[in-house]
Amino acid sequence: MSKIQIPAIVVTLGTMSMINGLVLYITNGQYLNSTNFPKIFIDFANFQVFGVSILILIFLVVALLTWFILKYTVIGREILAVGGNKESAIRAGINFDKVQIFVFAYMGFLAGIAAIAQVAYTKAVDPNGLVGFELSVIAAVVLGGANIMGGRGTILGTFLGVLLLGIMQNGLILARIDTFWQKIVVGSIILIAVSYDHIQYKRTKDKLAKIEVES
């Protein structure tokens, strides 16, 4: 896909739809519960280290690994450069195809870990589970300060965004707010956060332009 320059969001949505349909075809929509899982997997899901669930530890390890890649590796700096300005990154000698393939592969790796964690947490497999959850993911990332167009964002910000969104959704559930209102809240968060980020970015850009003119 990187060779024919298809936009990443189109590839993501297209493959997501294909995989979702393939999973439903293979499983015939069959729901699995803990009785279908081997004992070792159930024991893994219940494993704790100093009272902390193994799932939380996996989340922290993945966050630290991603932070390290972005902060201290060449490919990590190239990812940020491509996200910030693709054309400038290519002119600087960065191999765009290599970076994009790595990002897609790494996201697939993280998706696999997330799937294992989700099954371990719920102790069930639902072929229709988490459908539409991608909007919540976008909302969490944007809340964490990441630019939806790429180039800006931190792992710590994303962690805080996930935490904030989780607390917010939990609060809506405890307040017995209807499910459709929760979706409206998530959608509103995305629009407001993206709009605010874009306005701040334009203001910063305008200030830089004025400084260059005055100099």
N, C-alpha and C. Protein backbone atom coordinates (compact mmCIF):
# COMPACT_ATOMS: atom_id res chain seq x y z
N MET A 1 0.81 -1.20 0.00
CA MET A 1 0.00 0.00 0.00
C MET A 1 0.86 1.27 0.00
N SER A 2 2.04 1.17 0.65
CA SER A 2 2.90 2.34 0.69
C SER A 2 3.46 2.68 -0.69
N LYS A 3 3.57 1.66 -1.55
CA LYS A 3 4.12 1.89 -2.89
C LYS A 3 3.17 2.70 -3.76
N ILE A 4 1.85 2.50 -3.59
CA ILE A 4 0.91 3.23 -4.44
C ILE A 4 0.32 4.45 -3.72
N GLN A 5 0.89 4.76 -2.53
CA GLN A 5 0.59 6.00 -1.81
C GLN A 5 -0.89 6.17 -1.47
N ILE A 6 -1.53 5.10 -1.02
CA ILE A 6 -2.91 5.21 -0.54
C ILE A 6 -2.88 5.84 0.85
N PRO A 7 -3.75 6.84 1.13
CA PRO A 7 -3.77 7.46 2.46
C PRO A 7 -3.93 6.41 3.56
N ALA A 8 -3.17 6.59 4.65
CA ALA A 8 -3.16 5.61 5.73
C ALA A 8 -4.55 5.37 6.32
N ILE A 9 -5.34 6.42 6.46
CA ILE A 9 -6.67 6.28 7.06
C ILE A 9 -7.57 5.41 6.19
N VAL A 10 -7.40 5.51 4.87
CA VAL A 10 -8.20 4.70 3.94
C VAL A 10 -7.79 3.23 4.05
N VAL A 11 -6.49 2.98 4.12
CA VAL A 11 -5.99 1.61 4.27
C VAL A 11 -6.48 1.01 5.58
N THR A 12 -6.42 1.80 6.64
CA THR A 12 -6.85 1.31 7.97
C THR A 12 -8.32 0.94 7.98
N LEU A 13 -9.16 1.83 7.49
CA LEU A 13 -10.60 1.56 7.48
C LEU A 13 -10.96 0.41 6.54
N GLY A 14 -10.28 0.35 5.40
CA GLY A 14 -10.56 -0.71 4.44
C GLY A 14 -10.18 -2.09 4.97
N THR A 15 -8.96 -2.20 5.51
CA THR A 15 -8.52 -3.49 6.04
C THR A 15 -9.32 -3.88 7.29
N MET A 16 -9.72 -2.88 8.08
CA MET A 16 -10.53 -3.17 9.26
C MET A 16 -11.86 -3.81 8.86
N SER A 17 -12.49 -3.25 7.83
CA SER A 17 -13.76 -3.79 7.35
C SER A 17 -13.57 -5.19 6.78
N MET A 18 -12.48 -5.41 6.03
CA MET A 18 -12.20 -6.71 5.44
C MET A 18 -11.97 -7.78 6.52
N ILE A 19 -11.14 -7.43 7.50
CA ILE A 19 -10.82 -8.39 8.56
C ILE A 19 -12.06 -8.70 9.40
N ASN A 20 -12.86 -7.66 9.68
CA ASN A 20 -14.07 -7.86 10.46
C ASN A 20 -15.03 -8.82 9.74
N GLY A 21 -15.18 -8.63 8.43
CA GLY A 21 -16.03 -9.51 7.64
C GLY A 21 -15.49 -10.93 7.58
N LEU A 22 -14.16 -11.04 7.45
CA LEU A 22 -13.52 -12.36 7.39
C LEU A 22 -13.69 -13.12 8.70
N VAL A 23 -13.54 -12.39 9.82
CA VAL A 23 -13.70 -13.02 11.14
C VAL A 23 -15.13 -13.53 11.31
N LEU A 24 -16.12 -12.73 10.91
CA LEU A 24 -17.52 -13.15 11.03
C LEU A 24 -17.80 -14.36 10.14
N TYR A 25 -17.16 -14.40 8.96
CA TYR A 25 -17.36 -15.52 8.05
C TYR A 25 -16.77 -16.81 8.63
N ILE A 26 -15.54 -16.71 9.15
CA ILE A 26 -14.85 -17.90 9.67
C ILE A 26 -15.53 -18.41 10.94
N THR A 27 -15.90 -17.50 11.83
CA THR A 27 -16.47 -17.91 13.12
C THR A 27 -17.98 -18.10 13.05
N ASN A 28 -18.58 -17.60 11.97
CA ASN A 28 -20.04 -17.64 11.84
C ASN A 28 -20.72 -16.90 13.01
N GLY A 29 -20.00 -15.89 13.53
CA GLY A 29 -20.53 -15.09 14.62
C GLY A 29 -20.61 -15.81 15.95
N GLN A 30 -19.88 -16.94 16.08
CA GLN A 30 -19.97 -17.75 17.30
C GLN A 30 -19.28 -17.06 18.47
N TYR A 31 -19.96 -17.04 19.60
CA TYR A 31 -19.45 -16.42 20.83
C TYR A 31 -18.77 -17.49 21.68
N LEU A 32 -17.59 -17.18 22.19
CA LEU A 32 -16.85 -18.10 23.05
C LEU A 32 -16.72 -17.52 24.45
N ASN A 33 -16.86 -18.37 25.46
CA ASN A 33 -16.66 -17.92 26.84
C ASN A 33 -15.51 -18.67 27.48
N SER A 34 -15.31 -18.46 28.77
CA SER A 34 -14.14 -19.01 29.45
C SER A 34 -14.08 -20.54 29.44
N THR A 35 -15.22 -21.19 29.25
CA THR A 35 -15.21 -22.66 29.23
C THR A 35 -14.51 -23.20 27.99
N ASN A 36 -14.33 -22.34 26.98
CA ASN A 36 -13.66 -22.77 25.75
C ASN A 36 -12.15 -22.51 25.79
N PHE A 37 -11.67 -21.85 26.85
CA PHE A 37 -10.26 -21.49 26.93
C PHE A 37 -9.48 -22.50 27.75
N PRO A 38 -8.21 -22.71 27.42
CA PRO A 38 -7.37 -23.60 28.25
C PRO A 38 -7.11 -22.98 29.62
N LYS A 39 -6.87 -23.81 30.60
CA LYS A 39 -6.68 -23.35 31.97
C LYS A 39 -5.50 -22.40 32.10
N ILE A 40 -4.45 -22.65 31.32
CA ILE A 40 -3.26 -21.80 31.42
C ILE A 40 -3.56 -20.36 31.02
N PHE A 41 -4.50 -20.18 30.07
CA PHE A 41 -4.86 -18.82 29.65
C PHE A 41 -5.67 -18.12 30.74
N ILE A 42 -6.56 -18.84 31.39
CA ILE A 42 -7.35 -18.27 32.49
C ILE A 42 -6.43 -17.89 33.64
N ASP A 43 -5.45 -18.74 33.94
CA ASP A 43 -4.50 -18.45 35.01
C ASP A 43 -3.67 -17.21 34.66
N PHE A 44 -3.31 -17.10 33.38
CA PHE A 44 -2.55 -15.92 32.94
C PHE A 44 -3.36 -14.65 33.16
N ALA A 45 -4.65 -14.68 32.84
CA ALA A 45 -5.50 -13.51 32.97
C ALA A 45 -5.63 -13.07 34.43
N ASN A 46 -5.53 -14.02 35.35
CA ASN A 46 -5.69 -13.71 36.77
C ASN A 46 -4.36 -13.46 37.48
N PHE A 47 -3.26 -13.54 36.73
CA PHE A 47 -1.94 -13.40 37.34
C PHE A 47 -1.69 -11.95 37.78
N GLN A 48 -1.06 -11.79 38.94
CA GLN A 48 -0.74 -10.47 39.47
C GLN A 48 0.69 -10.43 39.96
N VAL A 49 1.29 -9.24 39.86
CA VAL A 49 2.65 -9.01 40.37
C VAL A 49 2.56 -7.90 41.42
N PHE A 50 2.83 -8.26 42.67
CA PHE A 50 2.70 -7.32 43.79
C PHE A 50 1.31 -6.67 43.81
N GLY A 51 0.31 -7.47 43.52
CA GLY A 51 -1.06 -6.98 43.56
C GLY A 51 -1.52 -6.23 42.33
N VAL A 52 -0.63 -6.11 41.34
CA VAL A 52 -0.97 -5.39 40.10
C VAL A 52 -1.26 -6.40 39.00
N SER A 53 -2.37 -6.24 38.30
CA SER A 53 -2.76 -7.17 37.25
C SER A 53 -1.72 -7.22 36.13
N ILE A 54 -1.51 -8.40 35.58
CA ILE A 54 -0.56 -8.56 34.48
C ILE A 54 -0.97 -7.74 33.27
N LEU A 55 -2.27 -7.47 33.12
CA LEU A 55 -2.76 -6.68 31.98
C LEU A 55 -2.30 -5.23 32.09
N ILE A 56 -2.31 -4.70 33.30
CA ILE A 56 -1.83 -3.33 33.51
C ILE A 56 -0.33 -3.26 33.25
N LEU A 57 0.40 -4.28 33.68
CA LEU A 57 1.84 -4.32 33.45
C LEU A 57 2.16 -4.40 31.95
N ILE A 58 1.37 -5.19 31.21
CA ILE A 58 1.56 -5.27 29.77
C ILE A 58 1.33 -3.91 29.13
N PHE A 59 0.30 -3.20 29.57
CA PHE A 59 0.00 -1.86 29.06
C PHE A 59 1.18 -0.91 29.30
N LEU A 60 1.74 -0.95 30.51
CA LEU A 60 2.87 -0.08 30.84
C LEU A 60 4.11 -0.43 30.02
N VAL A 61 4.36 -1.73 29.83
CA VAL A 61 5.51 -2.18 29.03
C VAL A 61 5.37 -1.70 27.59
N VAL A 62 4.18 -1.84 27.02
CA VAL A 62 3.95 -1.40 25.65
C VAL A 62 4.13 0.11 25.53
N ALA A 63 3.62 0.85 26.51
CA ALA A 63 3.76 2.31 26.50
C ALA A 63 5.23 2.71 26.58
N LEU A 64 5.99 2.06 27.46
CA LEU A 64 7.42 2.37 27.60
C LEU A 64 8.20 1.99 26.34
N LEU A 65 7.86 0.86 25.75
CA LEU A 65 8.54 0.43 24.52
C LEU A 65 8.29 1.42 23.40
N THR A 66 7.05 1.85 23.25
CA THR A 66 6.71 2.81 22.20
C THR A 66 7.40 4.15 22.44
N TRP A 67 7.42 4.58 23.71
CA TRP A 67 8.11 5.83 24.06
C TRP A 67 9.59 5.74 23.71
N PHE A 68 10.21 4.60 24.02
CA PHE A 68 11.63 4.42 23.74
C PHE A 68 11.89 4.46 22.24
N ILE A 69 11.03 3.82 21.46
CA ILE A 69 11.21 3.79 20.01
C ILE A 69 11.14 5.20 19.44
N LEU A 70 10.14 5.97 19.87
CA LEU A 70 9.96 7.32 19.35
C LEU A 70 11.05 8.27 19.81
N LYS A 71 11.56 8.05 21.02
CA LYS A 71 12.51 9.00 21.63
C LYS A 71 13.96 8.70 21.27
N TYR A 72 14.32 7.42 21.21
CA TYR A 72 15.75 7.09 21.15
C TYR A 72 16.18 6.26 19.94
N THR A 73 15.29 6.01 19.01
CA THR A 73 15.69 5.25 17.82
C THR A 73 15.57 6.10 16.57
N VAL A 74 16.32 5.72 15.57
CA VAL A 74 16.29 6.47 14.30
C VAL A 74 14.91 6.38 13.66
N ILE A 75 14.34 5.18 13.64
CA ILE A 75 13.04 5.01 13.01
C ILE A 75 11.97 5.83 13.73
N GLY A 76 12.12 5.98 15.05
CA GLY A 76 11.17 6.79 15.81
C GLY A 76 11.22 8.25 15.42
N ARG A 77 12.42 8.77 15.27
CA ARG A 77 12.57 10.18 14.85
C ARG A 77 12.08 10.37 13.42
N GLU A 78 12.29 9.35 12.60
CA GLU A 78 11.81 9.43 11.22
C GLU A 78 10.28 9.42 11.16
N ILE A 79 9.65 8.67 12.05
CA ILE A 79 8.19 8.64 12.10
C ILE A 79 7.64 10.03 12.42
N LEU A 80 8.23 10.69 13.42
CA LEU A 80 7.80 12.03 13.80
C LEU A 80 8.06 13.03 12.67
N ALA A 81 9.18 12.86 11.99
CA ALA A 81 9.52 13.76 10.89
C ALA A 81 8.53 13.62 9.74
N VAL A 82 8.22 12.38 9.38
CA VAL A 82 7.26 12.13 8.30
C VAL A 82 5.88 12.66 8.67
N GLY A 83 5.49 12.46 9.94
CA GLY A 83 4.20 12.95 10.39
C GLY A 83 4.12 14.46 10.38
N GLY A 84 5.24 15.12 10.71
CA GLY A 84 5.25 16.58 10.73
C GLY A 84 5.21 17.19 9.35
N ASN A 85 6.02 16.67 8.44
CA ASN A 85 6.05 17.19 7.07
C ASN A 85 6.65 16.12 6.17
N LYS A 86 5.79 15.44 5.47
CA LYS A 86 6.22 14.31 4.64
C LYS A 86 7.23 14.73 3.57
N GLU A 87 6.92 15.81 2.86
CA GLU A 87 7.79 16.23 1.75
C GLU A 87 9.18 16.62 2.25
N SER A 88 9.23 17.37 3.35
CA SER A 88 10.53 17.78 3.90
C SER A 88 11.33 16.57 4.38
N ALA A 89 10.62 15.59 4.97
CA ALA A 89 11.29 14.39 5.45
C ALA A 89 11.91 13.61 4.30
N ILE A 90 11.17 13.50 3.20
CA ILE A 90 11.69 12.78 2.03
C ILE A 90 12.90 13.51 1.45
N ARG A 91 12.84 14.85 1.40
CA ARG A 91 13.97 15.62 0.87
C ARG A 91 15.19 15.52 1.77
N ALA A 92 14.95 15.25 3.07
CA ALA A 92 16.06 15.09 4.01
C ALA A 92 16.70 13.71 3.92
N GLY A 93 16.14 12.84 3.06
CA GLY A 93 16.72 11.52 2.84
C GLY A 93 16.04 10.39 3.58
N ILE A 94 14.90 10.66 4.19
CA ILE A 94 14.17 9.61 4.92
C ILE A 94 13.40 8.73 3.94
N ASN A 95 13.53 7.43 4.12
CA ASN A 95 12.82 6.46 3.27
C ASN A 95 11.37 6.35 3.75
N PHE A 96 10.47 7.01 3.03
CA PHE A 96 9.07 7.07 3.45
C PHE A 96 8.42 5.68 3.46
N ASP A 97 8.71 4.88 2.44
CA ASP A 97 8.11 3.54 2.36
C ASP A 97 8.51 2.70 3.56
N LYS A 98 9.77 2.75 3.95
CA LYS A 98 10.25 1.98 5.10
C LYS A 98 9.54 2.41 6.37
N VAL A 99 9.40 3.71 6.56
CA VAL A 99 8.75 4.24 7.76
C VAL A 99 7.29 3.81 7.82
N GLN A 100 6.59 3.93 6.69
CA GLN A 100 5.17 3.59 6.67
C GLN A 100 4.94 2.09 6.91
N ILE A 101 5.77 1.26 6.30
CA ILE A 101 5.65 -0.18 6.50
C ILE A 101 5.91 -0.54 7.97
N PHE A 102 6.92 0.10 8.57
CA PHE A 102 7.20 -0.16 9.99
C PHE A 102 6.02 0.24 10.86
N VAL A 103 5.43 1.40 10.58
CA VAL A 103 4.29 1.87 11.39
C VAL A 103 3.12 0.90 11.29
N PHE A 104 2.79 0.47 10.05
CA PHE A 104 1.69 -0.48 9.88
C PHE A 104 1.99 -1.81 10.60
N ALA A 105 3.23 -2.28 10.48
CA ALA A 105 3.61 -3.54 11.12
C ALA A 105 3.56 -3.42 12.65
N TYR A 106 4.05 -2.31 13.16
CA TYR A 106 4.05 -2.12 14.61
C TYR A 106 2.62 -1.98 15.15
N MET A 107 1.77 -1.29 14.41
CA MET A 107 0.37 -1.17 14.82
C MET A 107 -0.33 -2.53 14.82
N GLY A 108 0.04 -3.39 13.86
CA GLY A 108 -0.50 -4.75 13.83
C GLY A 108 -0.05 -5.54 15.04
N PHE A 109 1.22 -5.36 15.41
CA PHE A 109 1.77 -6.01 16.60
C PHE A 109 1.03 -5.57 17.86
N LEU A 110 0.79 -4.26 17.99
CA LEU A 110 0.07 -3.73 19.15
C LEU A 110 -1.39 -4.19 19.16
N ALA A 111 -1.99 -4.28 17.98
CA ALA A 111 -3.37 -4.76 17.90
C ALA A 111 -3.48 -6.20 18.38
N GLY A 112 -2.46 -7.01 18.06
CA GLY A 112 -2.44 -8.39 18.52
C GLY A 112 -2.35 -8.48 20.04
N ILE A 113 -1.48 -7.65 20.63
CA ILE A 113 -1.35 -7.62 22.09
C ILE A 113 -2.66 -7.15 22.73
N ALA A 114 -3.28 -6.12 22.12
CA ALA A 114 -4.54 -5.60 22.65
C ALA A 114 -5.64 -6.66 22.59
N ALA A 115 -5.64 -7.46 21.54
CA ALA A 115 -6.65 -8.53 21.41
C ALA A 115 -6.48 -9.58 22.51
N ILE A 116 -5.23 -9.96 22.77
CA ILE A 116 -4.96 -10.93 23.84
C ILE A 116 -5.39 -10.37 25.19
N ALA A 117 -5.06 -9.09 25.43
CA ALA A 117 -5.42 -8.45 26.70
C ALA A 117 -6.93 -8.35 26.86
N GLN A 118 -7.63 -8.02 25.78
CA GLN A 118 -9.08 -7.89 25.83
C GLN A 118 -9.75 -9.23 26.14
N VAL A 119 -9.28 -10.29 25.48
CA VAL A 119 -9.84 -11.62 25.71
C VAL A 119 -9.53 -12.08 27.14
N ALA A 120 -8.32 -11.79 27.61
CA ALA A 120 -7.94 -12.17 28.97
C ALA A 120 -8.78 -11.42 30.01
N TYR A 121 -9.09 -10.16 29.70
CA TYR A 121 -9.87 -9.35 30.65
C TYR A 121 -11.33 -9.77 30.70
N THR A 122 -11.94 -9.96 29.54
CA THR A 122 -13.37 -10.31 29.49
C THR A 122 -13.61 -11.80 29.61
N LYS A 123 -12.52 -12.60 29.38
CA LYS A 123 -12.64 -14.07 29.37
C LYS A 123 -13.72 -14.53 28.40
N ALA A 124 -13.77 -13.86 27.26
CA ALA A 124 -14.75 -14.19 26.23
C ALA A 124 -14.27 -13.64 24.90
N VAL A 125 -14.77 -14.24 23.83
CA VAL A 125 -14.46 -13.76 22.47
C VAL A 125 -15.78 -13.48 21.77
N ASP A 126 -15.97 -12.22 21.40
CA ASP A 126 -17.17 -11.82 20.68
C ASP A 126 -16.75 -11.25 19.33
N PRO A 127 -17.09 -11.91 18.21
CA PRO A 127 -16.69 -11.41 16.88
C PRO A 127 -17.17 -10.00 16.60
N ASN A 128 -18.23 -9.57 17.29
CA ASN A 128 -18.76 -8.22 17.09
C ASN A 128 -18.30 -7.25 18.17
N GLY A 129 -17.41 -7.73 19.04
CA GLY A 129 -16.95 -6.89 20.14
C GLY A 129 -16.09 -5.73 19.67
N LEU A 130 -16.22 -4.60 20.35
CA LEU A 130 -15.42 -3.39 20.10
C LEU A 130 -15.65 -2.77 18.72
N VAL A 131 -16.72 -3.14 18.05
CA VAL A 131 -17.05 -2.50 16.77
C VAL A 131 -17.41 -1.04 17.04
N GLY A 132 -16.76 -0.13 16.33
CA GLY A 132 -16.99 1.29 16.54
C GLY A 132 -16.11 1.89 17.63
N PHE A 133 -15.28 1.06 18.26
CA PHE A 133 -14.43 1.54 19.34
C PHE A 133 -13.31 2.45 18.83
N GLU A 134 -13.08 2.42 17.52
CA GLU A 134 -12.00 3.23 16.95
C GLU A 134 -12.20 4.72 17.23
N LEU A 135 -13.46 5.17 17.33
CA LEU A 135 -13.73 6.58 17.63
C LEU A 135 -13.26 6.93 19.04
N SER A 136 -13.44 6.03 19.96
CA SER A 136 -12.97 6.25 21.34
C SER A 136 -11.44 6.33 21.37
N VAL A 137 -10.79 5.52 20.55
CA VAL A 137 -9.33 5.55 20.46
C VAL A 137 -8.85 6.91 19.94
N ILE A 138 -9.50 7.38 18.88
CA ILE A 138 -9.15 8.69 18.31
C ILE A 138 -9.36 9.78 19.34
N ALA A 139 -10.49 9.72 20.06
CA ALA A 139 -10.80 10.72 21.07
C ALA A 139 -9.74 10.75 22.17
N ALA A 140 -9.32 9.57 22.61
CA ALA A 140 -8.30 9.49 23.68
C ALA A 140 -6.98 10.08 23.22
N VAL A 141 -6.59 9.76 22.00
CA VAL A 141 -5.30 10.25 21.48
C VAL A 141 -5.34 11.77 21.29
N VAL A 142 -6.44 12.27 20.75
CA VAL A 142 -6.56 13.71 20.53
C VAL A 142 -6.61 14.44 21.88
N LEU A 143 -7.32 13.88 22.85
CA LEU A 143 -7.36 14.47 24.19
C LEU A 143 -5.96 14.54 24.79
N GLY A 144 -5.12 13.58 24.42
CA GLY A 144 -3.76 13.54 24.93
C GLY A 144 -2.81 14.52 24.27
N GLY A 145 -3.33 15.31 23.34
CA GLY A 145 -2.51 16.35 22.72
C GLY A 145 -1.89 15.98 21.40
N ALA A 146 -2.20 14.81 20.86
CA ALA A 146 -1.64 14.42 19.56
C ALA A 146 -2.36 15.16 18.43
N ASN A 147 -1.59 15.52 17.42
CA ASN A 147 -2.17 16.15 16.24
C ASN A 147 -2.71 15.05 15.34
N ILE A 148 -3.99 15.10 15.01
CA ILE A 148 -4.60 14.04 14.21
C ILE A 148 -4.00 13.97 12.82
N MET A 149 -3.34 15.03 12.38
CA MET A 149 -2.69 15.04 11.07
C MET A 149 -1.26 14.52 11.15
N GLY A 150 -0.77 14.26 12.37
CA GLY A 150 0.56 13.68 12.54
C GLY A 150 1.62 14.70 12.91
N GLY A 151 2.76 14.18 13.39
CA GLY A 151 3.91 15.04 13.67
C GLY A 151 4.04 15.51 15.10
N ARG A 152 2.94 15.53 15.87
CA ARG A 152 2.99 15.98 17.25
C ARG A 152 2.20 15.03 18.14
N GLY A 153 2.75 14.80 19.33
CA GLY A 153 2.08 13.90 20.28
C GLY A 153 3.10 13.17 21.13
N THR A 154 2.69 12.80 22.34
CA THR A 154 3.58 12.09 23.25
C THR A 154 2.87 10.87 23.83
N ILE A 155 3.66 9.90 24.28
CA ILE A 155 3.10 8.71 24.90
C ILE A 155 2.44 9.06 26.23
N LEU A 156 3.07 9.96 27.00
CA LEU A 156 2.49 10.38 28.27
C LEU A 156 1.14 11.07 28.05
N GLY A 157 1.08 11.93 27.03
CA GLY A 157 -0.17 12.61 26.73
C GLY A 157 -1.26 11.62 26.34
N THR A 158 -0.89 10.62 25.54
CA THR A 158 -1.85 9.60 25.14
C THR A 158 -2.33 8.79 26.35
N PHE A 159 -1.40 8.46 27.25
CA PHE A 159 -1.75 7.74 28.47
C PHE A 159 -2.77 8.54 29.29
N LEU A 160 -2.52 9.83 29.44
CA LEU A 160 -3.44 10.68 30.20
C LEU A 160 -4.77 10.84 29.48
N GLY A 161 -4.73 10.88 28.15
CA GLY A 161 -5.96 10.97 27.37
C GLY A 161 -6.83 9.73 27.54
N VAL A 162 -6.19 8.56 27.51
CA VAL A 162 -6.91 7.29 27.74
C VAL A 162 -7.51 7.28 29.14
N LEU A 163 -6.73 7.71 30.12
CA LEU A 163 -7.19 7.73 31.51
C LEU A 163 -8.38 8.68 31.67
N LEU A 164 -8.27 9.87 31.09
CA LEU A 164 -9.35 10.86 31.19
C LEU A 164 -10.63 10.37 30.53
N LEU A 165 -10.49 9.80 29.33
CA LEU A 165 -11.67 9.32 28.62
C LEU A 165 -12.31 8.15 29.37
N GLY A 166 -11.48 7.26 29.93
CA GLY A 166 -12.01 6.14 30.69
C GLY A 166 -12.79 6.61 31.91
N ILE A 167 -12.24 7.60 32.63
CA ILE A 167 -12.93 8.15 33.80
C ILE A 167 -14.23 8.82 33.39
N MET A 168 -14.19 9.53 32.26
CA MET A 168 -15.38 10.22 31.77
C MET A 168 -16.49 9.23 31.39
N GLN A 169 -16.12 8.18 30.66
CA GLN A 169 -17.12 7.18 30.26
C GLN A 169 -17.66 6.43 31.47
N ASN A 170 -16.77 6.12 32.42
CA ASN A 170 -17.21 5.44 33.63
C ASN A 170 -18.18 6.32 34.42
N GLY A 171 -17.88 7.62 34.45
CA GLY A 171 -18.77 8.56 35.14
C GLY A 171 -20.15 8.63 34.49
N LEU A 172 -20.17 8.58 33.15
CA LEU A 172 -21.45 8.61 32.44
C LEU A 172 -22.27 7.35 32.73
N ILE A 173 -21.56 6.22 32.84
CA ILE A 173 -22.25 4.96 33.15
C ILE A 173 -22.82 4.99 34.57
N LEU A 174 -22.00 5.47 35.53
CA LEU A 174 -22.45 5.55 36.92
C LEU A 174 -23.61 6.54 37.07
N ALA A 175 -23.61 7.56 36.20
CA ALA A 175 -24.70 8.55 36.24
C ALA A 175 -25.94 8.05 35.49
N ARG A 176 -25.85 6.83 34.96
CA ARG A 176 -26.95 6.19 34.23
C ARG A 176 -27.38 7.00 33.01
N ILE A 177 -26.36 7.54 32.33
CA ILE A 177 -26.61 8.25 31.08
C ILE A 177 -26.77 7.23 29.97
N ASP A 178 -27.75 7.41 29.09
CA ASP A 178 -28.01 6.47 28.01
C ASP A 178 -26.78 6.31 27.11
N THR A 179 -26.66 5.13 26.50
CA THR A 179 -25.50 4.80 25.66
C THR A 179 -25.34 5.77 24.50
N PHE A 180 -26.44 6.16 23.87
CA PHE A 180 -26.32 7.04 22.70
C PHE A 180 -25.79 8.42 23.09
N TRP A 181 -26.06 8.86 24.33
CA TRP A 181 -25.51 10.13 24.79
C TRP A 181 -24.00 10.02 25.00
N GLN A 182 -23.56 8.84 25.40
CA GLN A 182 -22.12 8.62 25.56
C GLN A 182 -21.41 8.77 24.22
N LYS A 183 -22.03 8.26 23.15
CA LYS A 183 -21.45 8.39 21.82
C LYS A 183 -21.42 9.86 21.39
N ILE A 184 -22.46 10.59 21.74
CA ILE A 184 -22.51 12.02 21.41
C ILE A 184 -21.39 12.77 22.13
N VAL A 185 -21.15 12.41 23.39
CA VAL A 185 -20.08 13.04 24.16
C VAL A 185 -18.72 12.75 23.54
N VAL A 186 -18.48 11.49 23.16
CA VAL A 186 -17.19 11.12 22.54
C VAL A 186 -16.99 11.88 21.23
N GLY A 187 -18.03 11.93 20.40
CA GLY A 187 -17.94 12.66 19.14
C GLY A 187 -17.67 14.14 19.35
N SER A 188 -18.32 14.71 20.36
CA SER A 188 -18.12 16.13 20.67
C SER A 188 -16.69 16.39 21.13
N ILE A 189 -16.17 15.47 21.93
CA ILE A 189 -14.78 15.61 22.41
C ILE A 189 -13.81 15.64 21.23
N ILE A 190 -14.02 14.75 20.27
CA ILE A 190 -13.15 14.71 19.09
C ILE A 190 -13.19 16.04 18.34
N LEU A 191 -14.39 16.55 18.08
CA LEU A 191 -14.54 17.79 17.33
C LEU A 191 -13.93 18.98 18.07
N ILE A 192 -14.21 19.08 19.36
CA ILE A 192 -13.70 20.21 20.15
C ILE A 192 -12.18 20.14 20.27
N ALA A 193 -11.65 18.97 20.58
CA ALA A 193 -10.20 18.82 20.76
C ALA A 193 -9.44 19.08 19.47
N VAL A 194 -9.94 18.55 18.35
CA VAL A 194 -9.28 18.76 17.06
C VAL A 194 -9.35 20.23 16.66
N SER A 195 -10.50 20.85 16.87
CA SER A 195 -10.67 22.28 16.53
C SER A 195 -9.73 23.14 17.37
N TYR A 196 -9.66 22.86 18.66
CA TYR A 196 -8.77 23.63 19.54
C TYR A 196 -7.31 23.46 19.13
N ASP A 197 -6.93 22.21 18.83
CA ASP A 197 -5.55 21.94 18.43
C ASP A 197 -5.20 22.67 17.14
N HIS A 198 -6.14 22.67 16.19
CA HIS A 198 -5.89 23.33 14.90
C HIS A 198 -5.78 24.84 15.08
N ILE A 199 -6.64 25.40 15.94
CA ILE A 199 -6.59 26.85 16.19
C ILE A 199 -5.26 27.24 16.83
N GLN A 200 -4.81 26.45 17.82
CA GLN A 200 -3.53 26.72 18.47
C GLN A 200 -2.38 26.60 17.50
N TYR A 201 -2.46 25.61 16.61
CA TYR A 201 -1.40 25.42 15.61
C TYR A 201 -1.33 26.60 14.65
N LYS A 202 -2.50 27.10 14.23
CA LYS A 202 -2.53 28.25 13.32
C LYS A 202 -1.98 29.50 13.99
N ARG A 203 -2.32 29.68 15.27
CA ARG A 203 -1.80 30.84 16.00
C ARG A 203 -0.28 30.79 16.11
N THR A 204 0.25 29.61 16.42
CA THR A 204 1.70 29.44 16.52
C THR A 204 2.38 29.72 15.18
N LYS A 205 1.74 29.23 14.11
CA LYS A 205 2.30 29.42 12.77
C LYS A 205 2.28 30.89 12.38
N ASP A 206 1.21 31.59 12.73
CA ASP A 206 1.11 33.02 12.42
C ASP A 206 2.17 33.83 13.17
N LYS A 207 2.42 33.46 14.44
CA LYS A 207 3.45 34.14 15.22
C LYS A 207 4.83 33.95 14.60
N LEU A 208 5.12 32.74 14.16
CA LEU A 208 6.41 32.45 13.51
C LEU A 208 6.55 33.25 12.23
N ALA A 209 5.47 33.37 11.49
CA ALA A 209 5.49 34.11 10.21
C ALA A 209 5.78 35.60 10.49
N LYS A 210 5.18 36.16 11.56
CA LYS A 210 5.41 37.57 11.89
C LYS A 210 6.85 37.81 12.30
N ILE A 211 7.42 36.88 13.07
CA ILE A 211 8.80 37.01 13.50
C ILE A 211 9.74 36.99 12.31
N GLU A 212 9.45 36.11 11.33
CA GLU A 212 10.30 36.03 10.13
C GLU A 212 10.23 37.30 9.32
N VAL A 213 9.05 37.91 9.23
CA VAL A 213 8.88 39.14 8.46
C VAL A 213 9.62 40.29 9.14
N GLU A 214 9.49 40.37 10.49
CA GLU A 214 10.14 41.45 11.24
C GLU A 214 11.66 41.33 11.19
N SER A 215 12.17 40.11 11.18
CA SER A 215 13.62 39.92 11.14
C SER A 215 14.18 40.29 9.77
